[in-house]
């Protein structure tokens, strides 16, 4: 019951944030200190507008498809994805670039992500071992500039 309540609250927060972004995409640059932060929280690039994607939860299209909706405002993950059994991963740069970290309460060991591998995960849905990420992770159609800006923002999520 508590899990359902938490998921509902997160979805409501996500919906409000995305609705505000949809209402005023042209002023996104006034709300965020960097393009990477804008991309993370709204799915809107200050340079290129709305970022398109494929996959992801069915409800993402209605709310803009941003990273923070699933991975949380601090990128720590741990958020249960509605309509799935998946818990979002920690997207902080440190968590991605070390071999061992905690995910969903368990210790995980994985090949370290590099910037190039992070970009590939975001755009192609592949982890460092060339395994396909779950379909709840959208495959974003992003420019190199937007990817670089997003990675720079992920570095601030420590």
N, C-alpha and C. Protein backbone atom coordinates (compact mmCIF):
# COMPACT_ATOMS: atom_id res chain seq x y z
N UNK A 1 0.82 -1.19 0.00
CA UNK A 1 0.00 0.00 0.00
C UNK A 1 0.87 1.26 0.00
N UNK A 2 1.91 1.24 0.83
CA UNK A 2 2.81 2.40 0.89
C UNK A 2 3.52 2.57 -0.44
N UNK A 3 3.92 1.46 -1.06
CA UNK A 3 4.60 1.54 -2.36
C UNK A 3 3.69 2.18 -3.40
N UNK A 4 2.43 1.82 -3.40
CA UNK A 4 1.48 2.39 -4.36
C UNK A 4 1.33 3.89 -4.10
N UNK A 5 1.25 4.28 -2.84
CA UNK A 5 1.13 5.69 -2.48
C UNK A 5 2.37 6.46 -2.93
N UNK A 6 3.55 5.90 -2.70
CA UNK A 6 4.79 6.56 -3.12
C UNK A 6 4.83 6.70 -4.63
N UNK A 7 4.48 5.65 -5.35
CA UNK A 7 4.48 5.70 -6.81
C UNK A 7 3.50 6.76 -7.30
N UNK A 8 2.32 6.82 -6.70
CA UNK A 8 1.32 7.82 -7.10
C UNK A 8 1.83 9.23 -6.85
N UNK A 9 2.48 9.44 -5.71
CA UNK A 9 3.02 10.76 -5.40
C UNK A 9 4.11 11.14 -6.39
N UNK A 10 5.00 10.20 -6.71
CA UNK A 10 6.06 10.48 -7.67
C UNK A 10 5.50 10.79 -9.05
N UNK A 11 4.48 10.05 -9.45
CA UNK A 11 3.86 10.31 -10.75
C UNK A 11 3.22 11.69 -10.79
N UNK A 12 2.60 12.10 -9.68
CA UNK A 12 1.97 13.42 -9.62
C UNK A 12 3.02 14.52 -9.73
N UNK A 13 4.13 14.37 -9.01
CA UNK A 13 5.21 15.35 -9.09
C UNK A 13 5.77 15.39 -10.50
N UNK A 14 5.98 14.22 -11.07
CA UNK A 14 6.49 14.11 -12.43
C UNK A 14 5.55 14.80 -13.41
N UNK A 15 4.25 14.56 -13.27
CA UNK A 15 3.25 15.15 -14.17
C UNK A 15 3.25 16.67 -14.07
N UNK A 16 3.33 17.20 -12.86
CA UNK A 16 3.33 18.65 -12.68
C UNK A 16 4.56 19.26 -13.31
N UNK A 17 5.73 18.66 -13.06
CA UNK A 17 6.98 19.20 -13.62
C UNK A 17 6.95 19.18 -15.14
N UNK A 18 6.47 18.09 -15.71
CA UNK A 18 6.45 17.98 -17.17
C UNK A 18 5.40 18.87 -17.79
N UNK A 19 4.27 19.05 -17.12
CA UNK A 19 3.24 19.93 -17.64
C UNK A 19 3.76 21.36 -17.70
N UNK A 20 4.47 21.77 -16.65
CA UNK A 20 5.05 23.11 -16.67
C UNK A 20 6.06 23.24 -17.79
N UNK A 21 6.83 22.20 -18.04
CA UNK A 21 7.81 22.25 -19.13
C UNK A 21 7.11 22.34 -20.48
N UNK A 22 6.00 21.60 -20.65
CA UNK A 22 5.26 21.64 -21.91
C UNK A 22 4.66 23.02 -22.13
N UNK A 23 4.17 23.65 -21.07
CA UNK A 23 3.52 24.94 -21.19
C UNK A 23 4.49 26.02 -21.63
N UNK A 24 5.77 25.87 -21.28
CA UNK A 24 6.69 26.96 -21.52
C UNK A 24 8.07 26.47 -21.95
N UNK A 25 8.12 25.66 -23.00
CA UNK A 25 9.40 25.15 -23.48
C UNK A 25 10.34 26.26 -23.90
N UNK A 26 9.79 27.36 -24.40
CA UNK A 26 10.64 28.44 -24.91
C UNK A 26 11.41 29.15 -23.81
N UNK A 27 10.99 29.02 -22.57
CA UNK A 27 11.68 29.70 -21.47
C UNK A 27 12.45 28.73 -20.58
N UNK A 28 12.69 27.52 -21.08
CA UNK A 28 13.40 26.52 -20.29
C UNK A 28 14.73 27.05 -19.78
N UNK A 29 15.44 27.83 -20.62
CA UNK A 29 16.75 28.31 -20.23
C UNK A 29 16.71 29.21 -18.99
N UNK A 30 15.56 29.76 -18.68
CA UNK A 30 15.43 30.60 -17.50
C UNK A 30 15.27 29.79 -16.22
N UNK A 31 14.91 28.54 -16.34
CA UNK A 31 14.61 27.72 -15.17
C UNK A 31 15.76 26.84 -14.72
N UNK A 32 16.73 26.62 -15.58
CA UNK A 32 17.81 25.69 -15.27
C UNK A 32 19.16 26.34 -15.51
N UNK A 33 20.13 25.93 -14.71
CA UNK A 33 21.45 26.55 -14.81
C UNK A 33 22.28 26.02 -15.97
N UNK A 34 21.85 24.91 -16.57
CA UNK A 34 22.59 24.36 -17.71
C UNK A 34 21.64 23.61 -18.64
N UNK A 35 22.08 23.41 -19.85
CA UNK A 35 21.30 22.62 -20.80
C UNK A 35 21.17 21.18 -20.30
N UNK A 36 22.23 20.63 -19.73
CA UNK A 36 22.17 19.26 -19.22
C UNK A 36 21.13 19.11 -18.12
N UNK A 37 21.03 20.10 -17.25
CA UNK A 37 20.02 20.06 -16.19
C UNK A 37 18.62 20.14 -16.80
N UNK A 38 18.44 20.97 -17.82
CA UNK A 38 17.15 21.07 -18.50
C UNK A 38 16.77 19.75 -19.15
N UNK A 39 17.72 19.13 -19.83
CA UNK A 39 17.46 17.83 -20.47
C UNK A 39 17.06 16.81 -19.41
N UNK A 40 17.80 16.76 -18.31
CA UNK A 40 17.55 15.78 -17.26
C UNK A 40 16.16 15.92 -16.65
N UNK A 41 15.76 17.16 -16.35
CA UNK A 41 14.51 17.37 -15.64
C UNK A 41 13.28 17.57 -16.52
N UNK A 42 13.47 17.93 -17.79
CA UNK A 42 12.30 18.22 -18.63
C UNK A 42 12.24 17.44 -19.93
N UNK A 43 13.37 16.88 -20.37
CA UNK A 43 13.39 16.25 -21.69
C UNK A 43 13.40 17.28 -22.80
N UNK A 44 13.75 18.52 -22.45
CA UNK A 44 13.81 19.61 -23.42
C UNK A 44 15.21 20.18 -23.42
N UNK A 45 15.80 20.25 -24.61
CA UNK A 45 17.11 20.85 -24.78
C UNK A 45 16.95 22.35 -24.99
N UNK A 46 17.78 23.13 -24.33
CA UNK A 46 17.77 24.57 -24.55
C UNK A 46 18.29 24.90 -25.95
N UNK A 47 19.01 23.96 -26.55
CA UNK A 47 19.60 24.17 -27.87
C UNK A 47 18.73 23.63 -29.00
N UNK A 48 18.04 22.51 -28.73
CA UNK A 48 17.36 21.79 -29.82
C UNK A 48 15.89 21.48 -29.57
N UNK A 49 15.33 21.93 -28.47
CA UNK A 49 13.92 21.68 -28.19
C UNK A 49 13.66 20.30 -27.61
N UNK A 50 12.43 19.84 -27.76
CA UNK A 50 11.99 18.55 -27.21
C UNK A 50 12.86 17.42 -27.73
N UNK A 51 13.28 16.54 -26.82
CA UNK A 51 14.11 15.39 -27.19
C UNK A 51 13.19 14.19 -27.39
N UNK A 52 13.27 13.61 -28.55
CA UNK A 52 12.42 12.47 -28.90
C UNK A 52 13.03 11.19 -28.34
N UNK A 53 12.19 10.18 -28.16
CA UNK A 53 12.66 8.90 -27.64
C UNK A 53 11.74 7.79 -28.10
N UNK A 54 12.25 6.57 -27.98
CA UNK A 54 11.46 5.36 -28.22
C UNK A 54 11.54 4.51 -26.97
N UNK A 55 10.51 3.70 -26.75
CA UNK A 55 10.50 2.84 -25.58
C UNK A 55 10.13 3.62 -24.33
N UNK A 56 10.45 3.04 -23.20
CA UNK A 56 10.09 3.66 -21.94
C UNK A 56 8.69 3.26 -21.53
N UNK A 57 8.31 3.59 -20.30
CA UNK A 57 6.96 3.28 -19.84
C UNK A 57 5.91 3.96 -20.72
N UNK A 58 4.75 3.37 -20.81
CA UNK A 58 3.70 3.89 -21.70
C UNK A 58 3.30 5.32 -21.36
N UNK A 59 3.41 5.72 -20.12
CA UNK A 59 2.98 7.05 -19.70
C UNK A 59 4.01 8.14 -19.97
N UNK A 60 5.23 7.77 -20.35
CA UNK A 60 6.28 8.78 -20.53
C UNK A 60 5.98 9.80 -21.61
N UNK A 61 5.37 9.35 -22.69
CA UNK A 61 5.09 10.26 -23.80
C UNK A 61 4.20 11.42 -23.40
N UNK A 62 3.31 11.17 -22.46
CA UNK A 62 2.41 12.23 -22.00
C UNK A 62 3.13 13.29 -21.18
N UNK A 63 4.24 12.92 -20.57
CA UNK A 63 4.90 13.83 -19.64
C UNK A 63 6.29 14.26 -20.07
N UNK A 64 6.62 14.09 -21.32
CA UNK A 64 7.85 14.66 -21.84
C UNK A 64 9.06 13.74 -21.87
N UNK A 65 9.07 12.69 -21.11
CA UNK A 65 10.17 11.74 -21.18
C UNK A 65 11.49 12.25 -20.65
N UNK A 66 11.51 12.71 -19.42
CA UNK A 66 12.77 13.19 -18.85
C UNK A 66 13.43 12.12 -18.00
N UNK A 67 14.68 12.33 -17.67
CA UNK A 67 15.47 11.37 -16.88
C UNK A 67 15.05 11.38 -15.41
N UNK A 68 14.84 12.57 -14.87
CA UNK A 68 14.56 12.73 -13.45
C UNK A 68 13.28 12.07 -12.99
N UNK A 69 12.32 11.89 -13.89
CA UNK A 69 11.06 11.26 -13.52
C UNK A 69 11.24 9.85 -13.01
N UNK A 70 12.23 9.15 -13.53
CA UNK A 70 12.49 7.78 -13.08
C UNK A 70 13.70 7.69 -12.15
N UNK A 71 14.75 8.44 -12.48
CA UNK A 71 16.00 8.33 -11.71
C UNK A 71 16.04 9.26 -10.51
N UNK A 72 15.04 10.12 -10.37
CA UNK A 72 14.93 10.99 -9.21
C UNK A 72 15.69 12.29 -9.36
N UNK A 73 15.36 13.27 -8.53
CA UNK A 73 15.96 14.60 -8.65
C UNK A 73 17.46 14.63 -8.36
N UNK A 74 17.95 13.66 -7.62
CA UNK A 74 19.38 13.60 -7.32
C UNK A 74 20.08 12.50 -8.11
N UNK A 75 19.33 11.83 -9.00
CA UNK A 75 19.92 10.79 -9.84
C UNK A 75 20.24 9.50 -9.13
N UNK A 76 19.78 9.34 -7.91
CA UNK A 76 20.14 8.17 -7.10
C UNK A 76 19.35 6.92 -7.44
N UNK A 77 18.31 7.06 -8.28
CA UNK A 77 17.51 5.90 -8.62
C UNK A 77 16.69 5.44 -7.44
N UNK A 78 16.42 4.14 -7.40
CA UNK A 78 15.64 3.58 -6.31
C UNK A 78 14.14 3.79 -6.46
N UNK A 79 13.74 4.44 -7.54
CA UNK A 79 12.33 4.74 -7.77
C UNK A 79 11.70 3.57 -8.52
N UNK A 80 10.66 2.94 -7.96
CA UNK A 80 9.97 1.88 -8.69
C UNK A 80 9.28 2.48 -9.92
N UNK A 81 9.47 1.87 -11.06
CA UNK A 81 8.86 2.36 -12.30
C UNK A 81 7.44 1.82 -12.37
N UNK A 82 6.44 2.72 -12.41
CA UNK A 82 5.05 2.25 -12.49
C UNK A 82 4.85 1.32 -13.69
N UNK A 83 3.98 0.37 -13.54
CA UNK A 83 3.64 -0.60 -14.59
C UNK A 83 4.79 -1.55 -14.92
N UNK A 84 5.74 -1.72 -14.00
CA UNK A 84 6.84 -2.66 -14.24
C UNK A 84 7.38 -3.15 -12.90
N UNK A 85 8.29 -4.10 -12.96
CA UNK A 85 8.97 -4.59 -11.76
C UNK A 85 10.36 -3.98 -11.63
N UNK A 86 10.63 -2.96 -12.40
CA UNK A 86 11.96 -2.36 -12.47
C UNK A 86 12.09 -1.23 -11.46
N UNK A 87 13.27 -1.13 -10.87
CA UNK A 87 13.62 -0.01 -10.00
C UNK A 87 14.72 0.76 -10.72
N UNK A 88 14.53 2.06 -10.89
CA UNK A 88 15.48 2.88 -11.64
C UNK A 88 16.87 2.84 -10.99
N UNK A 89 17.88 2.82 -11.84
CA UNK A 89 19.27 2.77 -11.39
C UNK A 89 19.78 4.15 -10.99
N UNK A 90 20.85 4.16 -10.23
CA UNK A 90 21.57 5.38 -9.87
C UNK A 90 22.27 5.88 -11.13
N UNK A 91 22.00 7.12 -11.53
CA UNK A 91 22.62 7.68 -12.72
C UNK A 91 23.68 8.72 -12.39
N UNK A 92 24.05 8.81 -11.12
CA UNK A 92 25.16 9.69 -10.78
C UNK A 92 26.42 9.20 -11.49
N UNK A 93 27.23 10.12 -11.92
CA UNK A 93 28.41 9.77 -12.70
C UNK A 93 29.32 8.80 -11.95
N UNK A 94 29.47 9.03 -10.66
CA UNK A 94 30.34 8.14 -9.87
C UNK A 94 29.80 6.71 -9.87
N UNK A 95 28.50 6.55 -9.67
CA UNK A 95 27.91 5.21 -9.65
C UNK A 95 28.09 4.50 -10.99
N UNK A 96 28.01 5.25 -12.07
CA UNK A 96 28.14 4.65 -13.40
C UNK A 96 29.58 4.29 -13.74
N UNK A 97 30.52 5.02 -13.18
CA UNK A 97 31.92 4.85 -13.60
C UNK A 97 32.77 4.06 -12.62
N UNK A 98 32.14 3.44 -11.63
CA UNK A 98 32.86 2.52 -10.75
C UNK A 98 32.34 1.11 -11.02
N UNK A 99 33.14 0.12 -10.71
CA UNK A 99 32.74 -1.26 -10.99
C UNK A 99 31.68 -1.77 -10.02
N UNK A 100 31.74 -1.35 -8.77
CA UNK A 100 30.85 -1.88 -7.76
C UNK A 100 30.00 -0.76 -7.16
N UNK A 101 28.70 -0.99 -7.12
CA UNK A 101 27.80 -0.03 -6.49
C UNK A 101 26.52 -0.75 -6.07
N UNK A 102 25.71 -0.08 -5.28
CA UNK A 102 24.45 -0.66 -4.84
C UNK A 102 23.34 -0.28 -5.81
N UNK A 103 22.47 -1.24 -6.09
CA UNK A 103 21.27 -0.98 -6.91
C UNK A 103 20.14 -1.84 -6.37
N UNK A 104 19.05 -1.19 -6.07
CA UNK A 104 17.86 -1.88 -5.56
C UNK A 104 18.21 -2.70 -4.31
N UNK A 105 19.07 -2.13 -3.46
CA UNK A 105 19.44 -2.76 -2.21
C UNK A 105 20.44 -3.89 -2.33
N UNK A 106 20.95 -4.13 -3.53
CA UNK A 106 21.92 -5.21 -3.74
C UNK A 106 23.22 -4.63 -4.28
N UNK A 107 24.32 -5.31 -3.96
CA UNK A 107 25.61 -4.92 -4.51
C UNK A 107 25.69 -5.44 -5.94
N UNK A 108 26.06 -4.56 -6.86
CA UNK A 108 26.23 -4.95 -8.26
C UNK A 108 27.65 -4.64 -8.70
N UNK A 109 28.15 -5.49 -9.55
CA UNK A 109 29.45 -5.26 -10.17
C UNK A 109 29.22 -5.24 -11.67
N UNK A 110 29.70 -4.20 -12.31
CA UNK A 110 29.56 -4.10 -13.77
C UNK A 110 30.79 -3.42 -14.34
N UNK A 111 30.99 -3.61 -15.62
CA UNK A 111 32.06 -2.91 -16.30
C UNK A 111 31.81 -1.42 -16.16
N UNK A 112 32.86 -0.68 -15.93
CA UNK A 112 32.71 0.76 -15.77
C UNK A 112 32.21 1.41 -17.06
N UNK A 113 31.28 2.32 -16.88
CA UNK A 113 30.84 3.13 -18.01
C UNK A 113 31.88 4.21 -18.27
N UNK A 114 32.13 4.48 -19.52
CA UNK A 114 32.89 5.65 -19.94
C UNK A 114 31.86 6.64 -20.48
N UNK A 115 32.29 7.84 -20.80
CA UNK A 115 31.34 8.79 -21.39
C UNK A 115 30.73 8.21 -22.66
N UNK A 116 31.55 7.56 -23.47
CA UNK A 116 31.06 6.95 -24.71
C UNK A 116 30.02 5.87 -24.42
N UNK A 117 30.26 5.06 -23.40
CA UNK A 117 29.30 3.99 -23.06
C UNK A 117 28.03 4.55 -22.42
N UNK A 118 28.14 5.65 -21.69
CA UNK A 118 26.94 6.30 -21.15
C UNK A 118 26.08 6.81 -22.30
N UNK A 119 26.72 7.43 -23.28
CA UNK A 119 25.98 7.93 -24.45
C UNK A 119 25.28 6.78 -25.17
N UNK A 120 25.97 5.66 -25.29
CA UNK A 120 25.39 4.50 -25.97
C UNK A 120 24.20 3.94 -25.18
N UNK A 121 24.31 3.93 -23.85
CA UNK A 121 23.20 3.45 -23.02
C UNK A 121 21.98 4.35 -23.21
N UNK A 122 22.20 5.65 -23.28
CA UNK A 122 21.11 6.61 -23.43
C UNK A 122 20.46 6.51 -24.80
N UNK A 123 21.25 6.32 -25.83
CA UNK A 123 20.72 6.36 -27.20
C UNK A 123 20.39 4.99 -27.78
N UNK A 124 21.13 3.95 -27.35
CA UNK A 124 20.92 2.62 -27.93
C UNK A 124 20.39 1.60 -26.93
N UNK A 125 20.42 1.95 -25.64
CA UNK A 125 19.91 1.02 -24.63
C UNK A 125 20.79 -0.19 -24.41
N UNK A 126 22.11 0.02 -24.45
CA UNK A 126 23.05 -1.08 -24.22
C UNK A 126 23.94 -0.75 -23.03
N UNK A 127 24.21 -1.76 -22.20
CA UNK A 127 25.12 -1.56 -21.08
C UNK A 127 26.56 -1.82 -21.55
N UNK A 128 27.55 -1.64 -20.68
CA UNK A 128 28.95 -1.82 -21.11
C UNK A 128 29.27 -3.22 -21.63
N UNK A 129 28.49 -4.22 -21.22
CA UNK A 129 28.72 -5.60 -21.68
C UNK A 129 27.97 -5.90 -22.98
N UNK A 130 27.42 -4.88 -23.61
CA UNK A 130 26.63 -5.01 -24.85
C UNK A 130 25.30 -5.72 -24.63
N UNK A 131 24.84 -5.76 -23.40
CA UNK A 131 23.53 -6.35 -23.11
C UNK A 131 22.47 -5.26 -23.21
N UNK A 132 21.30 -5.64 -23.68
CA UNK A 132 20.21 -4.69 -23.84
C UNK A 132 19.63 -4.30 -22.49
N UNK A 133 19.50 -3.01 -22.27
CA UNK A 133 18.83 -2.51 -21.07
C UNK A 133 17.34 -2.78 -21.21
N UNK A 134 16.65 -2.85 -20.09
CA UNK A 134 15.22 -3.09 -20.12
C UNK A 134 14.52 -2.02 -20.96
N UNK A 135 13.42 -2.40 -21.58
CA UNK A 135 12.67 -1.49 -22.45
C UNK A 135 12.10 -0.28 -21.70
N UNK A 136 12.02 -0.35 -20.37
CA UNK A 136 11.55 0.83 -19.64
C UNK A 136 12.56 1.97 -19.71
N UNK A 137 13.80 1.66 -20.09
CA UNK A 137 14.79 2.71 -20.33
C UNK A 137 14.61 3.18 -21.77
N UNK A 138 14.12 4.41 -21.94
CA UNK A 138 13.91 4.91 -23.30
C UNK A 138 15.22 5.00 -24.08
N UNK A 139 15.10 4.95 -25.38
CA UNK A 139 16.23 5.17 -26.29
C UNK A 139 16.04 6.58 -26.85
N UNK A 140 16.88 7.50 -26.40
CA UNK A 140 16.71 8.91 -26.75
C UNK A 140 17.41 9.25 -28.06
N UNK A 141 16.80 10.14 -28.80
CA UNK A 141 17.36 10.67 -30.05
C UNK A 141 17.94 12.04 -29.71
N UNK A 142 19.22 12.05 -29.34
CA UNK A 142 19.84 13.28 -28.85
C UNK A 142 21.05 13.66 -29.68
N UNK A 143 21.29 14.95 -29.77
CA UNK A 143 22.49 15.44 -30.44
C UNK A 143 23.70 15.18 -29.55
N UNK A 144 24.88 15.19 -30.15
CA UNK A 144 26.11 15.03 -29.37
C UNK A 144 26.25 16.14 -28.33
N UNK A 145 25.88 17.37 -28.71
CA UNK A 145 25.94 18.48 -27.75
C UNK A 145 25.06 18.21 -26.54
N UNK A 146 23.83 17.75 -26.78
CA UNK A 146 22.92 17.48 -25.67
C UNK A 146 23.43 16.32 -24.81
N UNK A 147 23.97 15.29 -25.45
CA UNK A 147 24.54 14.17 -24.69
C UNK A 147 25.70 14.64 -23.82
N UNK A 148 26.59 15.44 -24.39
CA UNK A 148 27.72 15.95 -23.61
C UNK A 148 27.25 16.81 -22.45
N UNK A 149 26.25 17.65 -22.70
CA UNK A 149 25.71 18.50 -21.63
C UNK A 149 25.06 17.66 -20.54
N UNK A 150 24.33 16.62 -20.94
CA UNK A 150 23.69 15.74 -19.96
C UNK A 150 24.74 15.03 -19.11
N UNK A 151 25.79 14.54 -19.73
CA UNK A 151 26.85 13.86 -18.97
C UNK A 151 27.52 14.83 -18.00
N UNK A 152 27.74 16.05 -18.43
CA UNK A 152 28.31 17.05 -17.51
C UNK A 152 27.38 17.26 -16.32
N UNK A 153 26.07 17.27 -16.57
CA UNK A 153 25.13 17.41 -15.46
C UNK A 153 25.16 16.18 -14.55
N UNK A 154 25.25 14.98 -15.13
CA UNK A 154 25.31 13.76 -14.32
C UNK A 154 26.51 13.80 -13.37
N UNK A 155 27.57 14.45 -13.78
CA UNK A 155 28.76 14.56 -12.93
C UNK A 155 28.49 15.39 -11.68
N UNK A 156 27.45 16.20 -11.70
CA UNK A 156 27.11 17.00 -10.52
C UNK A 156 26.23 16.22 -9.55
N UNK A 157 25.72 15.08 -9.96
CA UNK A 157 24.82 14.28 -9.13
C UNK A 157 25.61 13.29 -8.28
N UNK A 158 26.39 13.78 -7.39
CA UNK A 158 27.22 12.92 -6.53
C UNK A 158 26.64 12.84 -5.15
